[in-house]
Amino acid sequence: MNKYREQLNKCIQVVDSVRNMINVRRIPSNAISYNDLYSVLYQLVPLIPEEFHIFRDRLRDKILPNLKTSDLISVNQFGQQLVTPQNGINPYSFGEVIATITYLNGYSNNNSSSLWNNIHPQIVSVAKGRFDDSYYADAVEAAFKEVNTRVKRIYKNRTSVEKDGAKLMQSAFSPQNPIIKLGDISTETGANVQQGYMEMFVGAMIGIRNPKAHSNQTLSKVDAIRKLHFASMLMCKLDNELV
């Protein structure tokens, strides 16, 4: 077993332990120490393969720095600022941890060396021809347009309202009133998963689909593969919608 797989398994164990504390023992996430979770994730980051660099970078730059619950700031009777340190887990960041570890584990368990064996069929149908002809940016744009189209179709069928892009994703996956449920929002963990995926869908529209659609960007083959994996992950999550 290589070091990456071994460390990923440790992360899965700690994540499952935290989920158990939240959902079974009913311990609030802000009352659970973030230290063990932070430690195993921090050790995982440098081991994540380069092909998953989007998830590695997000874990390192966004999730880990925000994993701990923010310290409480107050002012005493003399106008002096008081800081009460907190050591709990930020529930929104924990939702992103679950989504990221689930994705990495899914692809680590797939031993196929073929790119397209690892990609969602709907993404294959719109992206493979362009990719094989070396139109990598066009392949990625088509993939995320397909994600947007699928969410738009579901949302319009259920609400009779038509939205697009980031606003569509915010409305469709809103943790408060989701039209498309990706987590059991009656539990804290499920609400965190819903929040985490909403942010991923929104980010995909703002950071990947829109820039390509509005400019003549070029992508390397490797970067295109990374982004196609991301689009595929979003599509696979839609397949597992809670009903």
Protein backbone atom coordinates (compact mmCIF):
# COMPACT_ATOMS: atom_id res chain seq x y z
CA MET A 1 0.00 0.00 0.00
CA ASN A 2 1.54 3.34 -0.99
CA LYS A 3 1.81 6.26 1.39
CA TYR A 4 -0.98 8.21 -0.31
CA ARG A 5 -3.50 5.36 -0.01
CA GLU A 6 -2.45 4.69 3.58
CA GLN A 7 -2.89 8.34 4.58
CA LEU A 8 -6.19 8.61 2.70
CA ASN A 9 -7.49 5.64 4.71
CA LYS A 10 -6.50 7.41 7.93
CA CYS A 11 -8.42 10.48 6.79
CA ILE A 12 -11.49 8.35 6.04
CA GLN A 13 -11.34 6.85 9.53
CA VAL A 14 -11.14 10.25 11.22
CA VAL A 15 -13.90 11.71 9.05
CA ASP A 16 -16.15 8.74 9.86
CA SER A 17 -15.38 9.18 13.56
CA VAL A 18 -16.38 12.85 13.45
CA ARG A 19 -19.56 12.05 11.51
CA ASN A 20 -20.45 9.44 14.12
CA MET A 21 -19.98 11.96 16.93
CA ILE A 22 -22.19 14.47 15.13
CA ASN A 23 -24.97 12.20 13.85
CA VAL A 24 -25.11 9.40 16.43
CA ARG A 25 -23.82 10.94 19.63
CA ARG A 26 -25.32 14.34 18.73
CA ILE A 27 -22.21 16.30 19.64
CA PRO A 28 -22.15 19.74 17.93
CA SER A 29 -19.25 20.08 15.50
CA ASN A 30 -17.98 23.18 17.31
CA ALA A 31 -17.57 21.02 20.43
CA ILE A 32 -15.37 18.45 18.66
CA SER A 33 -11.64 19.19 18.58
CA TYR A 34 -10.38 19.86 15.07
CA ASN A 35 -6.82 18.75 15.88
CA ASP A 36 -6.96 15.09 14.77
CA LEU A 37 -8.81 15.92 11.57
CA TYR A 38 -6.46 18.77 10.74
CA SER A 39 -3.41 16.58 11.38
CA VAL A 40 -4.40 13.73 9.04
CA LEU A 41 -5.53 16.13 6.29
CA TYR A 42 -2.34 18.19 6.57
CA GLN A 43 -0.27 15.02 6.14
CA LEU A 44 -2.39 13.98 3.16
CA VAL A 45 -1.91 17.20 1.15
CA PRO A 46 1.67 16.62 -0.10
CA LEU A 47 0.81 13.01 -1.01
CA ILE A 48 -2.16 13.81 -3.27
CA PRO A 49 -1.26 12.99 -6.91
CA GLU A 50 -0.72 15.91 -9.27
CA GLU A 51 -3.71 14.88 -11.40
CA PHE A 52 -5.93 15.86 -8.46
CA HIS A 53 -4.18 19.17 -7.84
CA ILE A 54 -7.45 21.13 -7.86
CA PHE A 55 -8.62 19.22 -4.80
CA ARG A 56 -5.16 19.25 -3.23
CA ASP A 57 -4.87 23.03 -3.60
CA ARG A 58 -8.39 23.66 -2.32
CA LEU A 59 -7.76 21.43 0.68
CA ARG A 60 -4.49 23.22 1.46
CA ASP A 61 -5.50 26.82 0.71
CA LYS A 62 -9.20 27.01 1.59
CA ILE A 63 -10.37 24.11 3.72
CA LEU A 64 -7.51 23.63 6.18
CA PRO A 65 -7.12 27.35 7.05
CA ASN A 66 -10.85 27.47 7.86
CA LEU A 67 -11.25 24.07 9.50
CA LYS A 68 -11.20 25.44 13.03
CA THR A 69 -14.20 27.31 14.41
CA SER A 70 -13.45 31.04 14.51
CA ASP A 71 -12.41 32.49 17.86
CA LEU A 72 -15.10 34.47 19.69
CA ILE A 73 -14.50 38.23 19.80
CA SER A 74 -16.17 40.33 22.48
CA VAL A 75 -15.71 43.64 24.27
CA ASN A 76 -15.65 44.02 28.06
CA GLN A 77 -17.13 46.84 30.12
CA PHE A 78 -13.96 48.89 29.68
CA GLY A 79 -14.11 48.71 25.88
CA GLN A 80 -11.26 46.23 25.67
CA GLN A 81 -11.46 43.52 23.04
CA LEU A 82 -11.49 39.99 24.39
CA VAL A 83 -10.67 36.89 22.36
CA THR A 84 -12.01 33.52 23.45
CA PRO A 85 -10.10 30.78 21.61
CA GLN A 86 -12.19 28.06 19.97
CA ASN A 87 -10.99 24.56 19.11
CA GLY A 88 -14.03 23.07 17.38
CA ILE A 89 -14.64 22.06 13.76
CA ASN A 90 -16.13 24.56 11.33
CA PRO A 91 -19.23 22.72 10.01
CA TYR A 92 -19.04 24.22 6.50
CA SER A 93 -15.40 23.25 6.08
CA PHE A 94 -16.20 19.76 7.36
CA GLY A 95 -18.78 19.42 4.58
CA GLU A 96 -16.07 20.24 2.05
CA VAL A 97 -13.75 17.72 3.69
CA ILE A 98 -16.36 14.99 3.25
CA ALA A 99 -16.89 15.86 -0.41
CA THR A 100 -13.14 16.00 -1.14
CA ILE A 101 -12.23 12.77 0.66
CA THR A 102 -15.16 10.95 -0.95
CA TYR A 103 -13.97 12.00 -4.39
CA LEU A 104 -10.33 11.09 -3.78
CA ASN A 105 -11.31 7.72 -2.33
CA GLY A 106 -13.57 6.92 -5.27
CA TYR A 107 -10.89 7.52 -7.85
CA SER A 108 -8.16 5.89 -5.80
CA ASN A 109 -10.21 2.68 -5.75
CA ASN A 110 -10.58 2.69 -9.53
CA ASN A 111 -7.53 0.99 -11.02
CA SER A 112 -8.41 1.66 -14.65
CA SER A 113 -5.77 3.60 -16.53
CA SER A 114 -8.23 4.86 -19.14
CA LEU A 115 -9.32 8.47 -18.73
CA TRP A 116 -12.79 7.87 -20.16
CA ASN A 117 -13.47 4.83 -17.97
CA ASN A 118 -13.27 7.25 -15.04
CA ILE A 119 -15.53 9.93 -16.50
CA HIS A 120 -19.32 10.23 -16.22
CA PRO A 121 -21.07 9.10 -19.45
CA GLN A 122 -22.76 12.47 -20.01
CA ILE A 123 -19.39 14.21 -19.83
CA VAL A 124 -17.91 11.63 -22.21
CA SER A 125 -20.70 12.25 -24.72
CA VAL A 126 -20.01 16.00 -24.98
CA ALA A 127 -16.28 16.20 -24.30
CA LYS A 128 -14.51 13.13 -25.72
CA GLY A 129 -14.69 14.10 -29.39
CA ARG A 130 -13.33 17.58 -28.71
CA PHE A 131 -10.64 16.23 -26.39
CA ASP A 132 -9.51 13.56 -28.86
CA ASP A 133 -9.16 16.30 -31.51
CA SER A 134 -6.94 18.23 -29.06
CA TYR A 135 -9.53 20.97 -28.46
CA TYR A 136 -8.97 20.76 -24.72
CA ALA A 137 -10.51 24.08 -23.69
CA ASP A 138 -13.60 23.35 -25.79
CA ALA A 139 -13.91 19.92 -24.16
CA VAL A 140 -13.86 21.46 -20.69
CA GLU A 141 -16.33 24.18 -21.64
CA ALA A 142 -18.70 21.58 -23.08
CA ALA A 143 -18.41 19.48 -19.92
CA PHE A 144 -19.39 22.28 -17.55
CA LYS A 145 -22.12 23.51 -19.87
CA GLU A 146 -23.53 19.98 -19.65
CA VAL A 147 -23.43 20.15 -15.85
CA ASN A 148 -25.24 23.49 -15.98
CA THR A 149 -27.81 22.16 -18.46
CA ARG A 150 -28.61 19.14 -16.33
CA VAL A 151 -29.09 21.19 -13.16
CA LYS A 152 -31.13 23.79 -15.10
CA ARG A 153 -33.43 21.07 -16.45
CA ILE A 154 -34.06 19.58 -13.00
CA TYR A 155 -34.59 22.99 -11.43
CA LYS A 156 -37.03 24.19 -14.09
CA ASN A 157 -39.04 20.95 -13.97
CA ARG A 158 -39.52 21.33 -10.23
CA THR A 159 -40.00 25.10 -9.94
CA SER A 160 -41.10 26.29 -13.41
CA VAL A 161 -38.38 28.94 -12.99
CA GLU A 162 -35.40 29.23 -15.32
CA LYS A 163 -32.03 30.26 -13.91
CA ASP A 164 -28.46 29.84 -15.09
CA GLY A 165 -24.90 29.63 -13.84
CA ALA A 166 -23.95 30.56 -10.29
CA LYS A 167 -27.42 31.86 -9.35
CA LEU A 168 -28.92 28.59 -10.54
CA MET A 169 -26.52 26.57 -8.39
CA GLN A 170 -27.14 28.72 -5.32
CA SER A 171 -30.88 28.22 -5.63
CA ALA A 172 -30.81 24.57 -6.63
CA PHE A 173 -28.47 23.44 -3.83
CA SER A 174 -29.31 25.98 -1.10
CA PRO A 175 -28.83 24.27 2.30
CA GLN A 176 -31.86 26.15 3.63
CA ASN A 177 -34.33 25.04 0.93
CA PRO A 178 -32.66 22.75 -1.60
CA ILE A 179 -34.45 21.85 -4.79
CA ILE A 180 -31.78 19.20 -5.34
CA LYS A 181 -30.80 17.42 -2.11
CA LEU A 182 -27.28 16.01 -1.94
CA GLY A 183 -27.19 15.55 1.83
CA ASP A 184 -29.68 14.81 4.61
CA ILE A 185 -30.15 18.41 5.77
CA SER A 186 -31.95 17.22 8.93
CA THR A 187 -28.47 16.31 10.23
CA GLU A 188 -25.55 18.65 10.70
CA THR A 189 -23.28 16.51 8.55
CA GLY A 190 -25.84 16.38 5.75
CA ALA A 191 -26.31 20.15 5.86
CA ASN A 192 -22.55 20.54 5.65
CA VAL A 193 -22.39 18.24 2.63
CA GLN A 194 -25.16 20.26 0.96
CA GLN A 195 -23.28 23.51 1.64
CA GLY A 196 -19.98 22.09 0.43
CA TYR A 197 -21.37 20.82 -2.86
CA MET A 198 -23.32 24.02 -3.45
CA GLU A 199 -20.05 25.93 -3.23
CA MET A 200 -18.38 23.48 -5.60
CA PHE A 201 -21.15 23.83 -8.19
CA VAL A 202 -21.10 27.62 -7.85
CA GLY A 203 -17.31 27.68 -8.10
CA ALA A 204 -17.38 25.51 -11.21
CA MET A 205 -19.66 28.00 -12.94
CA ILE A 206 -17.75 31.12 -11.90
CA GLY A 207 -14.20 29.83 -12.06
CA ILE A 208 -14.22 27.29 -14.90
CA ARG A 209 -17.24 27.56 -17.20
CA ASN A 210 -17.64 31.33 -17.39
CA PRO A 211 -14.01 32.36 -18.07
CA LYS A 212 -13.76 29.89 -20.96
CA ALA A 213 -17.15 30.88 -22.36
CA HIS A 214 -16.22 34.58 -22.35
CA SER A 215 -12.65 34.46 -23.66
CA ASN A 216 -10.32 32.53 -25.93
CA GLN A 217 -8.50 30.52 -23.30
CA THR A 218 -6.21 27.60 -24.03
CA LEU A 219 -5.66 24.61 -21.78
CA SER A 220 -3.02 21.95 -21.62
CA LYS A 221 -4.05 18.33 -21.95
CA VAL A 222 -3.19 17.66 -18.30
CA ASP A 223 -5.18 20.63 -17.03
CA ALA A 224 -8.14 19.60 -19.17
CA ILE A 225 -8.07 16.09 -17.66
CA ARG A 226 -8.15 17.56 -14.16
CA LYS A 227 -11.15 19.73 -14.95
CA LEU A 228 -12.98 16.89 -16.69
CA HIS A 229 -12.56 14.81 -13.53
CA PHE A 230 -14.13 17.66 -11.57
CA ALA A 231 -17.10 17.95 -13.94
CA SER A 232 -17.52 14.18 -13.76
CA MET A 233 -17.55 14.27 -9.95
CA LEU A 234 -20.37 16.83 -10.00
CA MET A 235 -22.37 14.72 -12.44
CA CYS A 236 -21.87 11.59 -10.34
CA LYS A 237 -23.08 13.43 -7.26
CA LEU A 238 -26.26 14.41 -9.13
CA ASP A 239 -26.77 10.71 -9.87
CA ASN A 240 -26.86 10.12 -6.11
CA GLU A 241 -29.41 12.85 -5.34
CA LEU A 242 -31.50 12.15 -2.23
CA VAL A 243 -35.21 11.80 -2.98
